[in-house]
């Protein structure tokens, strides 16, 4: 856990928040965001290669470690 207002202590979380803000800007109210819109954003983010994962996608790393295709789990089914 990190201390309140110490965003530098949780860099990966802050990076993920920034990526989500590409789809849901701070000025946007999340009250009216449909579940499907969130699933689409999650799918796009998990399909994006990440430097911290050796330029693999989160989906690829999950599959390599578990042998399960996360896209088929129903969590991000569109």
N, C-alpha and C. Protein backbone atom coordinates (compact mmCIF):
# COMPACT_ATOMS: atom_id res chain seq x y z
N UNK A 1 0.83 -1.18 0.00
CA UNK A 1 0.00 0.00 0.00
C UNK A 1 0.88 1.24 0.00
N UNK A 2 0.35 2.29 -0.55
CA UNK A 2 1.08 3.55 -0.59
C UNK A 2 0.34 4.58 0.27
N UNK A 3 1.07 5.57 0.68
CA UNK A 3 0.48 6.64 1.48
C UNK A 3 -0.39 7.53 0.59
N UNK A 4 -1.44 8.10 1.16
CA UNK A 4 -2.27 9.03 0.37
C UNK A 4 -1.42 10.17 -0.19
N UNK A 5 -1.70 10.54 -1.42
CA UNK A 5 -1.03 11.64 -2.11
C UNK A 5 0.45 11.36 -2.37
N UNK A 6 0.84 10.10 -2.38
CA UNK A 6 2.21 9.69 -2.71
C UNK A 6 2.17 8.85 -3.99
N UNK A 7 1.71 9.44 -5.06
CA UNK A 7 1.52 8.70 -6.30
C UNK A 7 2.81 8.09 -6.84
N UNK A 8 3.96 8.67 -6.51
CA UNK A 8 5.24 8.14 -6.99
C UNK A 8 5.55 6.78 -6.37
N UNK A 9 4.84 6.39 -5.33
CA UNK A 9 5.07 5.09 -4.69
C UNK A 9 4.35 3.96 -5.42
N UNK A 10 3.49 4.30 -6.33
CA UNK A 10 2.73 3.29 -7.06
C UNK A 10 2.69 3.64 -8.56
N UNK A 11 3.84 3.63 -9.14
CA UNK A 11 4.00 4.05 -10.53
C UNK A 11 3.18 3.27 -11.53
N UNK A 12 3.14 1.94 -11.40
CA UNK A 12 2.38 1.15 -12.37
C UNK A 12 0.89 1.45 -12.29
N UNK A 13 0.38 1.68 -11.09
CA UNK A 13 -1.03 2.04 -10.94
C UNK A 13 -1.32 3.37 -11.63
N UNK A 14 -0.43 4.33 -11.42
CA UNK A 14 -0.61 5.64 -12.03
C UNK A 14 -0.53 5.55 -13.55
N UNK A 15 0.35 4.70 -14.06
CA UNK A 15 0.44 4.50 -15.50
C UNK A 15 -0.85 3.90 -16.04
N UNK A 16 -1.39 2.90 -15.34
CA UNK A 16 -2.65 2.28 -15.76
C UNK A 16 -3.78 3.30 -15.74
N UNK A 17 -3.80 4.15 -14.72
CA UNK A 17 -4.82 5.20 -14.66
C UNK A 17 -4.72 6.13 -15.85
N UNK A 18 -3.49 6.47 -16.22
CA UNK A 18 -3.29 7.34 -17.38
C UNK A 18 -3.76 6.69 -18.67
N UNK A 19 -3.52 5.40 -18.81
CA UNK A 19 -3.98 4.69 -20.00
C UNK A 19 -5.51 4.67 -20.05
N UNK A 20 -6.15 4.43 -18.92
CA UNK A 20 -7.61 4.43 -18.87
C UNK A 20 -8.18 5.81 -19.21
N UNK A 21 -7.46 6.85 -18.83
CA UNK A 21 -7.92 8.21 -19.09
C UNK A 21 -7.93 8.53 -20.59
N UNK A 22 -7.24 7.74 -21.41
CA UNK A 22 -7.32 7.92 -22.86
C UNK A 22 -8.73 7.61 -23.35
N UNK A 23 -9.40 6.72 -22.66
CA UNK A 23 -10.76 6.31 -23.04
C UNK A 23 -11.83 7.02 -22.21
N UNK A 24 -11.48 7.36 -20.97
CA UNK A 24 -12.43 8.00 -20.06
C UNK A 24 -11.77 9.21 -19.41
N UNK A 25 -11.81 10.38 -20.08
CA UNK A 25 -11.15 11.58 -19.55
C UNK A 25 -11.71 11.97 -18.18
N UNK A 26 -10.91 12.70 -17.41
CA UNK A 26 -11.34 13.14 -16.07
C UNK A 26 -12.62 13.95 -16.12
N UNK A 27 -12.83 14.67 -17.20
CA UNK A 27 -14.03 15.51 -17.32
C UNK A 27 -15.28 14.70 -17.59
N UNK A 28 -15.12 13.43 -17.91
CA UNK A 28 -16.25 12.57 -18.26
C UNK A 28 -16.85 11.94 -17.00
N UNK A 29 -18.15 12.00 -16.88
CA UNK A 29 -18.83 11.34 -15.77
C UNK A 29 -18.91 9.84 -16.08
N UNK A 30 -18.48 9.03 -15.12
CA UNK A 30 -18.49 7.58 -15.33
C UNK A 30 -19.86 6.96 -15.04
N UNK A 31 -20.79 7.76 -14.57
CA UNK A 31 -22.12 7.27 -14.23
C UNK A 31 -22.82 6.67 -15.46
N UNK A 32 -22.64 7.30 -16.60
CA UNK A 32 -23.35 6.87 -17.80
C UNK A 32 -22.51 6.00 -18.73
N UNK A 33 -21.37 5.53 -18.26
CA UNK A 33 -20.52 4.67 -19.09
C UNK A 33 -21.08 3.25 -19.05
N UNK A 34 -21.35 2.71 -20.21
CA UNK A 34 -21.90 1.35 -20.30
C UNK A 34 -20.83 0.32 -20.02
N UNK A 35 -21.25 -0.80 -19.48
CA UNK A 35 -20.33 -1.90 -19.16
C UNK A 35 -19.56 -2.33 -20.40
N UNK A 36 -20.22 -2.35 -21.54
CA UNK A 36 -19.57 -2.75 -22.78
C UNK A 36 -18.45 -1.79 -23.17
N UNK A 37 -18.63 -0.50 -22.87
CA UNK A 37 -17.58 0.48 -23.16
C UNK A 37 -16.33 0.20 -22.32
N UNK A 38 -16.53 -0.18 -21.08
CA UNK A 38 -15.41 -0.53 -20.20
C UNK A 38 -14.72 -1.78 -20.73
N UNK A 39 -15.49 -2.78 -21.14
CA UNK A 39 -14.91 -4.01 -21.66
C UNK A 39 -14.08 -3.75 -22.92
N UNK A 40 -14.56 -2.86 -23.77
CA UNK A 40 -13.81 -2.53 -24.99
C UNK A 40 -12.49 -1.86 -24.63
N UNK A 41 -12.51 -0.93 -23.68
CA UNK A 41 -11.28 -0.25 -23.25
C UNK A 41 -10.30 -1.25 -22.63
N UNK A 42 -10.80 -2.14 -21.78
CA UNK A 42 -9.95 -3.15 -21.14
C UNK A 42 -9.33 -4.05 -22.20
N UNK A 43 -10.11 -4.47 -23.18
CA UNK A 43 -9.59 -5.32 -24.24
C UNK A 43 -8.49 -4.61 -25.03
N UNK A 44 -8.71 -3.34 -25.35
CA UNK A 44 -7.69 -2.58 -26.09
C UNK A 44 -6.41 -2.43 -25.27
N UNK A 45 -6.56 -2.14 -23.97
CA UNK A 45 -5.38 -1.96 -23.12
C UNK A 45 -4.63 -3.27 -22.93
N UNK A 46 -5.34 -4.37 -22.79
CA UNK A 46 -4.68 -5.66 -22.61
C UNK A 46 -4.12 -6.22 -23.91
N UNK A 47 -4.46 -5.60 -25.03
CA UNK A 47 -3.91 -6.00 -26.33
C UNK A 47 -2.70 -5.15 -26.72
N UNK A 48 -2.37 -4.18 -25.90
CA UNK A 48 -1.27 -3.25 -26.17
C UNK A 48 0.04 -3.78 -25.56
N UNK A 49 1.09 -3.90 -26.37
CA UNK A 49 2.38 -4.35 -25.83
C UNK A 49 2.90 -3.38 -24.76
N UNK A 50 3.53 -3.93 -23.73
CA UNK A 50 4.05 -3.12 -22.63
C UNK A 50 5.55 -3.35 -22.47
N UNK A 51 6.27 -2.28 -22.26
CA UNK A 51 7.72 -2.36 -22.06
C UNK A 51 8.04 -3.24 -20.85
N UNK A 52 7.28 -3.08 -19.75
CA UNK A 52 7.55 -3.83 -18.52
C UNK A 52 7.31 -5.33 -18.69
N UNK A 53 6.65 -5.72 -19.78
CA UNK A 53 6.40 -7.13 -20.06
C UNK A 53 7.25 -7.62 -21.22
N UNK A 54 8.33 -6.93 -21.49
CA UNK A 54 9.21 -7.32 -22.60
C UNK A 54 8.55 -7.11 -23.95
N UNK A 55 7.73 -6.08 -24.04
CA UNK A 55 7.00 -5.71 -25.25
C UNK A 55 6.03 -6.79 -25.69
N UNK A 56 5.54 -7.54 -24.73
CA UNK A 56 4.44 -8.48 -24.97
C UNK A 56 3.17 -7.84 -24.44
N UNK A 57 2.03 -8.37 -24.87
CA UNK A 57 0.76 -7.87 -24.34
C UNK A 57 0.44 -8.59 -23.04
N UNK A 58 -0.37 -7.97 -22.18
CA UNK A 58 -0.81 -8.68 -20.98
C UNK A 58 -1.49 -10.01 -21.31
N UNK A 59 -2.25 -10.04 -22.40
CA UNK A 59 -2.88 -11.30 -22.81
C UNK A 59 -1.82 -12.38 -23.09
N UNK A 60 -0.76 -12.02 -23.80
CA UNK A 60 0.30 -12.98 -24.12
C UNK A 60 0.97 -13.51 -22.87
N UNK A 61 1.30 -12.63 -21.95
CA UNK A 61 1.98 -13.04 -20.72
C UNK A 61 1.08 -13.94 -19.88
N UNK A 62 -0.19 -13.59 -19.79
CA UNK A 62 -1.13 -14.41 -19.03
C UNK A 62 -1.21 -15.81 -19.63
N UNK A 63 -1.28 -15.88 -20.97
CA UNK A 63 -1.35 -17.19 -21.63
C UNK A 63 -0.08 -18.00 -21.41
N UNK A 64 1.08 -17.35 -21.51
CA UNK A 64 2.36 -18.05 -21.31
C UNK A 64 2.47 -18.62 -19.90
N UNK A 65 1.94 -17.92 -18.93
CA UNK A 65 2.07 -18.35 -17.53
C UNK A 65 0.99 -19.33 -17.10
N UNK A 66 -0.18 -19.27 -17.73
CA UNK A 66 -1.29 -20.11 -17.28
C UNK A 66 -1.77 -21.12 -18.31
N UNK A 67 -1.47 -20.86 -19.58
CA UNK A 67 -2.00 -21.71 -20.64
C UNK A 67 -3.45 -21.43 -20.95
N UNK A 68 -3.98 -20.35 -20.38
CA UNK A 68 -5.38 -19.98 -20.56
C UNK A 68 -5.46 -18.69 -21.37
N UNK A 69 -6.34 -18.67 -22.36
CA UNK A 69 -6.56 -17.45 -23.13
C UNK A 69 -7.55 -16.59 -22.36
N UNK A 70 -7.08 -15.51 -21.77
CA UNK A 70 -7.91 -14.65 -20.92
C UNK A 70 -9.10 -14.08 -21.68
N UNK A 71 -8.96 -13.94 -22.98
CA UNK A 71 -10.07 -13.40 -23.77
C UNK A 71 -11.25 -14.35 -23.80
N UNK A 72 -11.02 -15.62 -23.49
CA UNK A 72 -12.08 -16.62 -23.51
C UNK A 72 -12.71 -16.85 -22.14
N UNK A 73 -12.24 -16.14 -21.11
CA UNK A 73 -12.75 -16.34 -19.75
C UNK A 73 -14.09 -15.66 -19.51
N UNK A 74 -14.49 -14.79 -20.40
CA UNK A 74 -15.74 -14.09 -20.22
C UNK A 74 -15.58 -12.75 -19.53
N UNK A 75 -14.40 -12.48 -19.02
CA UNK A 75 -14.16 -11.21 -18.32
C UNK A 75 -14.19 -10.06 -19.32
N UNK A 76 -13.64 -10.28 -20.49
CA UNK A 76 -13.56 -9.20 -21.48
C UNK A 76 -14.34 -9.55 -22.74
N UNK A 77 -15.19 -10.53 -22.65
CA UNK A 77 -15.97 -10.92 -23.83
C UNK A 77 -16.82 -9.74 -24.27
N UNK A 78 -16.79 -9.44 -25.55
CA UNK A 78 -17.53 -8.29 -26.09
C UNK A 78 -18.83 -8.72 -26.72
